[in-house]
Amino acid sequence: MAGKRVNDRLDINASIHYHDRDGKSGPVIVPGISADVFDQQGWTLGLNGNYLLTSRWLLSAGYKYYNGDMDSSCTPGNVGKVFEKATVNAITLDNVFGGCVYRLDGRANMLSLDLGYAIGQHSSLNLGVIRLTSQ
């Protein structure tokens, strides 16, 4: 992460993050397709800015882009649709919700907007909204 204070009210920062996760493997349910759904890799690029509106109000805005592995779940009834519409890199049984869980390549965009109000020297009230789109 790198950042810069532009002036007494505005600062910006940029970040890049890479993750490589080695998760527990489930049982093989489709011969020839890995069951290592939670072995995932990906990277995130982010840009964020903070603007001090007044001595108590702070406005923050950010954007993040993710490219890498994602996991999703399917029911026994829609597993065929999953294979029709996506390239499944790994699939196994979902022991939590039933059905299956699978890994695929994906991309995501996240926009965030936050407003904070300082109610004391060490506390604040914050309200934020995030819009996440992925494919």
C-alpha atoms as a PDB file:
ATOM      1  CA  MET A   1       0.000   0.000   0.000  1.00  0.00           C
ATOM      2  CA  ALA A   2       1.192   3.511  -0.770  1.00  0.00           C
ATOM      3  CA  GLY A   3      -0.512   6.761   0.068  1.00  0.00           C
ATOM      4  CA  LYS A   4      -0.141  10.509  -0.167  1.00  0.00           C
ATOM      5  CA  ARG A   5      -1.616  13.372   1.812  1.00  0.00           C
ATOM      6  CA  VAL A   6      -2.489  15.851  -0.941  1.00  0.00           C
ATOM      7  CA  ASN A   7      -3.379  18.695   1.429  1.00  0.00           C
ATOM      8  CA  ASP A   8      -4.737  19.192   4.947  1.00  0.00           C
ATOM      9  CA  ARG A   9      -8.159  17.778   3.931  1.00  0.00           C
ATOM     10  CA  LEU A  10      -7.451  15.142   1.271  1.00  0.00           C
ATOM     11  CA  ASP A  11      -5.437  11.920   1.237  1.00  0.00           C
ATOM     12  CA  ILE A  12      -5.340   9.093  -1.288  1.00  0.00           C
ATOM     13  CA  ASN A  13      -3.860   5.617  -1.255  1.00  0.00           C
ATOM     14  CA  ALA A  14      -3.429   2.699  -3.620  1.00  0.00           C
ATOM     15  CA  SER A  15      -2.877  -0.947  -2.824  1.00  0.00           C
ATOM     16  CA  ILE A  16      -2.238  -4.261  -4.472  1.00  0.00           C
ATOM     17  CA  HIS A  17      -2.853  -7.541  -2.667  1.00  0.00           C
ATOM     18  CA  TYR A  18      -2.150 -11.103  -3.757  1.00  0.00           C
ATOM     19  CA  HIS A  19      -3.539 -14.128  -1.921  1.00  0.00           C
ATOM     20  CA  ASP A  20      -2.796 -17.821  -2.227  1.00  0.00           C
ATOM     21  CA  ARG A  21      -4.964 -20.044  -0.033  1.00  0.00           C
ATOM     22  CA  ASP A  22      -4.513 -23.786   0.514  1.00  0.00           C
ATOM     23  CA  GLY A  23      -7.841 -25.121   1.737  1.00  0.00           C
ATOM     24  CA  LYS A  24      -9.085 -28.511   2.820  1.00  0.00           C
ATOM     25  CA  SER A  25     -10.031 -30.842  -0.031  1.00  0.00           C
ATOM     26  CA  GLY A  26     -13.491 -32.403  -0.165  1.00  0.00           C
ATOM     27  CA  PRO A  27     -14.594 -35.702  -1.663  1.00  0.00           C
ATOM     28  CA  VAL A  28     -14.351 -36.120  -5.438  1.00  0.00           C
ATOM     29  CA  ILE A  29     -17.872 -36.079  -6.886  1.00  0.00           C
ATOM     30  CA  VAL A  30     -17.085 -35.592 -10.603  1.00  0.00           C
ATOM     31  CA  PRO A  31     -14.307 -37.847 -11.930  1.00  0.00           C
ATOM     32  CA  GLY A  32     -11.587 -35.837 -13.635  1.00  0.00           C
ATOM     33  CA  ILE A  33     -12.418 -32.564 -11.825  1.00  0.00           C
ATOM     34  CA  SER A  34     -10.494 -31.547  -8.720  1.00  0.00           C
ATOM     35  CA  ALA A  35     -12.214 -31.397  -5.321  1.00  0.00           C
ATOM     36  CA  ASP A  36      -9.832 -28.651  -4.071  1.00  0.00           C
ATOM     37  CA  VAL A  37     -12.488 -25.919  -4.169  1.00  0.00           C
ATOM     38  CA  PHE A  38     -10.865 -23.839  -1.432  1.00  0.00           C
ATOM     39  CA  ASP A  39      -7.371 -23.795  -2.964  1.00  0.00           C
ATOM     40  CA  GLN A  40      -7.630 -20.288  -4.364  1.00  0.00           C
ATOM     41  CA  GLN A  41      -5.407 -17.583  -5.800  1.00  0.00           C
ATOM     42  CA  GLY A  42      -6.199 -14.035  -6.811  1.00  0.00           C
ATOM     43  CA  TRP A  43      -5.165 -10.416  -6.652  1.00  0.00           C
ATOM     44  CA  THR A  44      -6.892  -7.169  -5.743  1.00  0.00           C
ATOM     45  CA  LEU A  45      -6.034  -3.652  -6.893  1.00  0.00           C
ATOM     46  CA  GLY A  46      -7.491  -0.807  -4.821  1.00  0.00           C
ATOM     47  CA  LEU A  47      -7.708   2.984  -4.792  1.00  0.00           C
ATOM     48  CA  ASN A  48      -9.162   4.970  -1.889  1.00  0.00           C
ATOM     49  CA  GLY A  49      -9.557   8.619  -0.982  1.00  0.00           C
ATOM     50  CA  ASN A  50     -10.556  10.444   2.202  1.00  0.00           C
ATOM     51  CA  TYR A  51     -11.778  14.025   2.317  1.00  0.00           C
ATOM     52  CA  LEU A  52     -12.273  15.933   5.584  1.00  0.00           C
ATOM     53  CA  LEU A  53     -15.502  17.900   5.034  1.00  0.00           C
ATOM     54  CA  THR A  54     -15.372  19.622   8.460  1.00  0.00           C
ATOM     55  CA  SER A  55     -13.462  18.962  11.660  1.00  0.00           C
ATOM     56  CA  ARG A  56     -15.988  16.167  12.479  1.00  0.00           C
ATOM     57  CA  TRP A  57     -17.210  14.859   9.093  1.00  0.00           C
ATOM     58  CA  LEU A  58     -15.065  12.563   6.876  1.00  0.00           C
ATOM     59  CA  LEU A  59     -16.087  11.373   3.414  1.00  0.00           C
ATOM     60  CA  SER A  60     -14.327   8.310   1.966  1.00  0.00           C
ATOM     61  CA  ALA A  61     -14.648   6.735  -1.473  1.00  0.00           C
ATOM     62  CA  GLY A  62     -12.948   3.705  -2.900  1.00  0.00           C
ATOM     63  CA  TYR A  63     -12.694   1.290  -5.794  1.00  0.00           C
ATOM     64  CA  LYS A  64     -11.317  -2.271  -5.817  1.00  0.00           C
ATOM     65  CA  TYR A  65     -10.837  -4.698  -8.693  1.00  0.00           C
ATOM     66  CA  TYR A  66     -10.458  -8.444  -8.004  1.00  0.00           C
ATOM     67  CA  ASN A  67      -9.277 -11.096 -10.453  1.00  0.00           C
ATOM     68  CA  GLY A  68      -8.898 -14.711  -9.416  1.00  0.00           C
ATOM     69  CA  ASP A  69     -10.607 -17.758  -8.020  1.00  0.00           C
ATOM     70  CA  MET A  70     -14.087 -17.586  -6.515  1.00  0.00           C
ATOM     71  CA  ASP A  71     -16.282 -20.212  -4.945  1.00  0.00           C
ATOM     72  CA  SER A  72     -20.028 -20.583  -5.229  1.00  0.00           C
ATOM     73  CA  SER A  73     -22.632 -23.164  -4.344  1.00  0.00           C
ATOM     74  CA  CYS A  74     -25.267 -25.105  -6.226  1.00  0.00           C
ATOM     75  CA  THR A  75     -28.216 -27.294  -5.407  1.00  0.00           C
ATOM     76  CA  PRO A  76     -28.514 -30.838  -6.757  1.00  0.00           C
ATOM     77  CA  GLY A  77     -31.187 -29.502  -9.147  1.00  0.00           C
ATOM     78  CA  ASN A  78     -29.058 -26.794 -10.760  1.00  0.00           C
ATOM     79  CA  VAL A  79     -25.621 -28.426 -10.959  1.00  0.00           C
ATOM     80  CA  GLY A  80     -26.225 -29.112 -14.663  1.00  0.00           C
ATOM     81  CA  LYS A  81     -26.804 -25.401 -15.305  1.00  0.00           C
ATOM     82  CA  VAL A  82     -23.525 -24.618 -13.556  1.00  0.00           C
ATOM     83  CA  PHE A  83     -21.597 -26.846 -15.969  1.00  0.00           C
ATOM     84  CA  GLU A  84     -23.438 -25.328 -18.963  1.00  0.00           C
ATOM     85  CA  LYS A  85     -22.655 -21.717 -18.056  1.00  0.00           C
ATOM     86  CA  ALA A  86     -19.305 -21.813 -16.258  1.00  0.00           C
ATOM     87  CA  THR A  87     -15.907 -23.431 -16.483  1.00  0.00           C
ATOM     88  CA  VAL A  88     -15.735 -25.308 -13.203  1.00  0.00           C
ATOM     89  CA  ASN A  89     -12.149 -25.726 -11.943  1.00  0.00           C
ATOM     90  CA  ALA A  90     -13.081 -27.766  -8.841  1.00  0.00           C
ATOM     91  CA  ILE A  91     -16.269 -29.155  -7.291  1.00  0.00           C
ATOM     92  CA  THR A  92     -17.178 -31.070  -4.119  1.00  0.00           C
ATOM     93  CA  LEU A  93     -20.079 -31.649  -1.721  1.00  0.00           C
ATOM     94  CA  ASP A  94     -21.263 -28.721   0.401  1.00  0.00           C
ATOM     95  CA  ASN A  95     -21.500 -30.111   3.941  1.00  0.00           C
ATOM     96  CA  VAL A  96     -22.925 -26.865   5.334  1.00  0.00           C
ATOM     97  CA  PHE A  97     -25.855 -25.996   3.047  1.00  0.00           C
ATOM     98  CA  GLY A  98     -26.214 -29.206   1.055  1.00  0.00           C
ATOM     99  CA  GLY A  99     -25.717 -29.553  -2.673  1.00  0.00           C
ATOM    100  CA  CYS A 100     -22.273 -28.716  -3.978  1.00  0.00           C
ATOM    101  CA  VAL A 101     -19.646 -25.994  -3.822  1.00  0.00           C
ATOM    102  CA  TYR A 102     -17.437 -25.198  -6.815  1.00  0.00           C
ATOM    103  CA  ARG A 103     -14.492 -22.999  -7.816  1.00  0.00           C
ATOM    104  CA  LEU A 104     -14.317 -20.894 -10.960  1.00  0.00           C
ATOM    105  CA  ASP A 105     -12.323 -17.969 -12.330  1.00  0.00           C
ATOM    106  CA  GLY A 106     -13.915 -14.590 -11.759  1.00  0.00           C
ATOM    107  CA  ARG A 107     -13.583 -10.838 -11.714  1.00  0.00           C
ATOM    108  CA  ALA A 108     -15.254  -8.355  -9.396  1.00  0.00           C
ATOM    109  CA  ASN A 109     -15.595  -4.577  -9.096  1.00  0.00           C
ATOM    110  CA  MET A 110     -16.372  -2.917  -5.773  1.00  0.00           C
ATOM    111  CA  LEU A 111     -17.305   0.722  -5.246  1.00  0.00           C
ATOM    112  CA  SER A 112     -17.593   2.066  -1.705  1.00  0.00           C
ATOM    113  CA  LEU A 113     -18.766   5.325  -0.172  1.00  0.00           C
ATOM    114  CA  ASP A 114     -18.510   6.046   3.549  1.00  0.00           C
ATOM    115  CA  LEU A 115     -19.433   8.982   5.750  1.00  0.00           C
ATOM    116  CA  GLY A 116     -18.028   9.267   9.254  1.00  0.00           C
ATOM    117  CA  TYR A 117     -18.880  11.641  12.120  1.00  0.00           C
ATOM    118  CA  ALA A 118     -16.468  12.077  15.044  1.00  0.00           C
ATOM    119  CA  ILE A 119     -18.402  11.997  18.317  1.00  0.00           C
ATOM    120  CA  GLY A 120     -15.273  12.204  20.455  1.00  0.00           C
ATOM    121  CA  GLN A 121     -11.488  12.036  20.241  1.00  0.00           C
ATOM    122  CA  HIS A 122     -11.487   8.245  19.951  1.00  0.00           C
ATOM    123  CA  SER A 123     -14.905   7.315  18.577  1.00  0.00           C
ATOM    124  CA  SER A 124     -17.073   7.927  15.550  1.00  0.00           C
ATOM    125  CA  LEU A 125     -20.345   6.942  13.903  1.00  0.00           C
ATOM    126  CA  ASN A 126     -19.970   5.618  10.376  1.00  0.00           C
ATOM    127  CA  LEU A 127     -22.358   4.908   7.549  1.00  0.00           C
ATOM    128  CA  GLY A 128     -21.242   3.171   4.398  1.00  0.00           C
ATOM    129  CA  VAL A 129     -22.532   1.630   1.220  1.00  0.00           C
ATOM    130  CA  ILE A 130     -20.815  -0.859  -1.099  1.00  0.00           C
ATOM    131  CA  ARG A 131     -21.765  -1.916  -4.628  1.00  0.00           C
ATOM    132  CA  LEU A 132     -20.218  -5.183  -5.725  1.00  0.00           C
ATOM    133  CA  THR A 133     -20.543  -6.637  -9.211  1.00  0.00           C
ATOM    134  CA  SER A 134     -18.851  -9.816 -10.376  1.00  0.00           C
ATOM    135  CA  GLN A 135     -18.737 -12.252 -13.260  1.00  0.00           C
END
